[in-house]
C-alpha atoms as a PDB file:
ATOM      1  CA  MET A   1      -3.299 -18.538 -27.782  1.00  0.00           C
ATOM      2  CA  LEU A   2      -5.374 -15.972 -25.909  1.00  0.00           C
ATOM      3  CA  PHE A   3      -4.389 -12.303 -25.823  1.00  0.00           C
ATOM      4  CA  THR A   4      -5.591  -9.557 -23.533  1.00  0.00           C
ATOM      5  CA  THR A   5      -4.548  -6.106 -22.436  1.00  0.00           C
ATOM      6  CA  THR A   6      -5.850  -6.872 -18.946  1.00  0.00           C
ATOM      7  CA  SER A   7      -3.834  -8.627 -16.246  1.00  0.00           C
ATOM      8  CA  ILE A   8      -6.405 -11.402 -15.862  1.00  0.00           C
ATOM      9  CA  ILE A   9      -8.771 -13.387 -18.053  1.00  0.00           C
ATOM     10  CA  GLU A  10     -12.026 -13.828 -16.149  1.00  0.00           C
ATOM     11  CA  GLY A  11     -12.746 -17.493 -15.502  1.00  0.00           C
ATOM     12  CA  PHE A  12      -9.199 -18.551 -16.374  1.00  0.00           C
ATOM     13  CA  PRO A  13      -6.854 -18.278 -13.388  1.00  0.00           C
ATOM     14  CA  VAL A  14      -3.154 -17.978 -14.162  1.00  0.00           C
ATOM     15  CA  LYS A  15      -1.435 -21.251 -13.272  1.00  0.00           C
ATOM     16  CA  GLN A  16       2.089 -20.110 -14.121  1.00  0.00           C
ATOM     17  CA  TYR A  17       3.803 -16.874 -15.131  1.00  0.00           C
ATOM     18  CA  LEU A  18       6.504 -17.578 -17.707  1.00  0.00           C
ATOM     19  CA  GLY A  19       7.944 -14.115 -18.265  1.00  0.00           C
ATOM     20  CA  ILE A  20       7.842 -11.074 -20.491  1.00  0.00           C
ATOM     21  CA  VAL A  21       7.511 -11.545 -24.240  1.00  0.00           C
ATOM     22  CA  THR A  22       7.921  -8.946 -26.940  1.00  0.00           C
ATOM     23  CA  GLY A  23       7.403  -8.497 -30.643  1.00  0.00           C
ATOM     24  CA  GLU A  24       8.889  -5.734 -32.754  1.00  0.00           C
ATOM     25  CA  THR A  25       8.432  -4.603 -36.322  1.00  0.00           C
ATOM     26  CA  ILE A  26      10.051  -1.777 -38.240  1.00  0.00           C
ATOM     27  CA  ILE A  27       8.435  -1.028 -41.558  1.00  0.00           C
ATOM     28  CA  GLY A  28       9.260   1.647 -44.086  1.00  0.00           C
ATOM     29  CA  ALA A  29       6.831   3.883 -45.885  1.00  0.00           C
ATOM     30  CA  ASN A  30       7.883   4.248 -49.492  1.00  0.00           C
ATOM     31  CA  ALA A  31       7.581   7.345 -51.671  1.00  0.00           C
ATOM     32  CA  ILE A  32       4.305   6.265 -53.305  1.00  0.00           C
ATOM     33  CA  LYS A  33       2.657   5.747 -49.912  1.00  0.00           C
ATOM     34  CA  ASP A  34       3.992   9.138 -48.795  1.00  0.00           C
ATOM     35  CA  PHE A  35       2.592  10.785 -51.926  1.00  0.00           C
ATOM     36  CA  LYS A  36      -0.858   9.207 -51.467  1.00  0.00           C
ATOM     37  CA  ALA A  37      -0.877  10.125 -47.784  1.00  0.00           C
ATOM     38  CA  GLY A  38       0.115  13.694 -48.704  1.00  0.00           C
ATOM     39  CA  LEU A  39      -2.906  13.951 -50.986  1.00  0.00           C
ATOM     40  CA  THR A  40      -5.161  12.667 -48.223  1.00  0.00           C
ATOM     41  CA  ASP A  41      -3.627  15.184 -45.836  1.00  0.00           C
ATOM     42  CA  PHE A  42      -4.170  18.013 -48.335  1.00  0.00           C
ATOM     43  CA  PHE A  43      -7.762  17.100 -49.219  1.00  0.00           C
ATOM     44  CA  GLY A  44      -8.741  15.712 -45.836  1.00  0.00           C
ATOM     45  CA  GLY A  45      -9.925  12.300 -44.760  1.00  0.00           C
ATOM     46  CA  ARG A  46      -8.338   9.106 -43.579  1.00  0.00           C
ATOM     47  CA  SER A  47      -5.189   7.634 -45.050  1.00  0.00           C
ATOM     48  CA  GLY A  48      -6.064   4.055 -45.916  1.00  0.00           C
ATOM     49  CA  THR A  49      -2.516   3.562 -47.170  1.00  0.00           C
ATOM     50  CA  TYR A  50      -0.928   4.304 -43.796  1.00  0.00           C
ATOM     51  CA  GLU A  51      -3.704   2.528 -41.920  1.00  0.00           C
ATOM     52  CA  ARG A  52      -2.912  -0.671 -43.827  1.00  0.00           C
ATOM     53  CA  VAL A  53       0.796  -0.256 -42.981  1.00  0.00           C
ATOM     54  CA  LEU A  54      -0.073   0.215 -39.290  1.00  0.00           C
ATOM     55  CA  ILE A  55      -2.275  -2.886 -39.275  1.00  0.00           C
ATOM     56  CA  GLN A  56       0.395  -4.942 -41.042  1.00  0.00           C
ATOM     57  CA  ALA A  57       3.089  -3.826 -38.588  1.00  0.00           C
ATOM     58  CA  LYS A  58       0.856  -4.473 -35.556  1.00  0.00           C
ATOM     59  CA  ASP A  59      -0.146  -7.930 -36.810  1.00  0.00           C
ATOM     60  CA  THR A  60       3.487  -8.856 -37.496  1.00  0.00           C
ATOM     61  CA  SER A  61       4.559  -7.721 -34.011  1.00  0.00           C
ATOM     62  CA  MET A  62       1.705  -9.616 -32.352  1.00  0.00           C
ATOM     63  CA  ASN A  63       2.535 -12.787 -34.320  1.00  0.00           C
ATOM     64  CA  GLU A  64       6.188 -12.496 -33.324  1.00  0.00           C
ATOM     65  CA  MET A  65       5.186 -12.093 -29.674  1.00  0.00           C
ATOM     66  CA  ALA A  66       2.813 -15.081 -29.916  1.00  0.00           C
ATOM     67  CA  ASN A  67       5.561 -17.266 -31.399  1.00  0.00           C
ATOM     68  CA  ARG A  68       7.945 -16.332 -28.598  1.00  0.00           C
ATOM     69  CA  ALA A  69       5.260 -17.048 -25.989  1.00  0.00           C
ATOM     70  CA  ALA A  70       4.487 -20.433 -27.570  1.00  0.00           C
ATOM     71  CA  GLN A  71       8.205 -21.320 -27.492  1.00  0.00           C
ATOM     72  CA  MET A  72       8.065 -20.712 -23.735  1.00  0.00           C
ATOM     73  CA  GLY A  73       5.068 -23.055 -23.419  1.00  0.00           C
ATOM     74  CA  ALA A  74       2.468 -20.319 -22.880  1.00  0.00           C
ATOM     75  CA  ASN A  75      -1.144 -20.560 -23.948  1.00  0.00           C
ATOM     76  CA  ALA A  76      -1.949 -16.899 -23.272  1.00  0.00           C
ATOM     77  CA  VAL A  77      -0.333 -13.460 -23.131  1.00  0.00           C
ATOM     78  CA  ILE A  78      -1.762 -10.976 -20.649  1.00  0.00           C
ATOM     79  CA  GLY A  79      -1.138  -7.286 -19.960  1.00  0.00           C
ATOM     80  CA  ILE A  80      -0.361  -6.547 -23.604  1.00  0.00           C
ATOM     81  CA  ASP A  81       0.878  -3.060 -24.459  1.00  0.00           C
ATOM     82  CA  ILE A  82       1.332  -1.869 -28.040  1.00  0.00           C
ATOM     83  CA  ASP A  83       3.523   1.148 -28.828  1.00  0.00           C
ATOM     84  CA  TYR A  84       3.836   2.978 -32.148  1.00  0.00           C
ATOM     85  CA  GLU A  85       6.808   5.233 -32.963  1.00  0.00           C
ATOM     86  CA  THR A  86       8.255   6.862 -36.049  1.00  0.00           C
ATOM     87  CA  ILE A  87      12.004   6.462 -36.476  1.00  0.00           C
ATOM     88  CA  GLY A  88      14.654   7.171 -39.071  1.00  0.00           C
ATOM     89  CA  SER A  89      15.466  10.376 -40.885  1.00  0.00           C
ATOM     90  CA  GLY A  90      12.329  12.474 -41.120  1.00  0.00           C
ATOM     91  CA  GLY A  91      10.261   9.757 -39.429  1.00  0.00           C
ATOM     92  CA  SER A  92      10.374   7.669 -42.593  1.00  0.00           C
ATOM     93  CA  MET A  93       9.926   4.375 -40.786  1.00  0.00           C
ATOM     94  CA  LEU A  94       7.323   3.077 -38.380  1.00  0.00           C
ATOM     95  CA  MET A  95       8.163   0.907 -35.405  1.00  0.00           C
ATOM     96  CA  VAL A  96       5.514  -1.130 -33.634  1.00  0.00           C
ATOM     97  CA  ALA A  97       6.540  -2.870 -30.433  1.00  0.00           C
ATOM     98  CA  CYS A  98       4.279  -4.970 -28.274  1.00  0.00           C
ATOM     99  CA  SER A  99       4.943  -6.609 -24.952  1.00  0.00           C
ATOM    100  CA  GLY A 100       3.059  -8.730 -22.475  1.00  0.00           C
ATOM    101  CA  THR A 101       3.405 -11.497 -19.947  1.00  0.00           C
ATOM    102  CA  ALA A 102       3.422 -15.088 -21.196  1.00  0.00           C
ATOM    103  CA  VAL A 103       1.319 -17.315 -18.938  1.00  0.00           C
ATOM    104  CA  ILE A 104      -0.257 -20.723 -18.680  1.00  0.00           C
ATOM    105  CA  ILE A 105      -3.932 -20.561 -17.827  1.00  0.00           C
END
């Protein structure tokens, strides 16, 4: 399965557009992660803890989208957009949603 944020893949013309596919993940940040991130915020620097959560959520959403595209018979997803949002009380959860167009190239 090929993925791209562009609407075309150079050298691979789209033979058939199959429709929009999405993948969504909502993941919570627990108290220990919040505490570690708070220390990073206080002392400065990057928060590896939250970065790993972001990567995990993005990868899960992309895999979900790929599975849905494969079920449609696609071999590529083009025009991918990835959105990150905090939700829940006090922004305690992270939502990652991705969408694209399932195609056959």
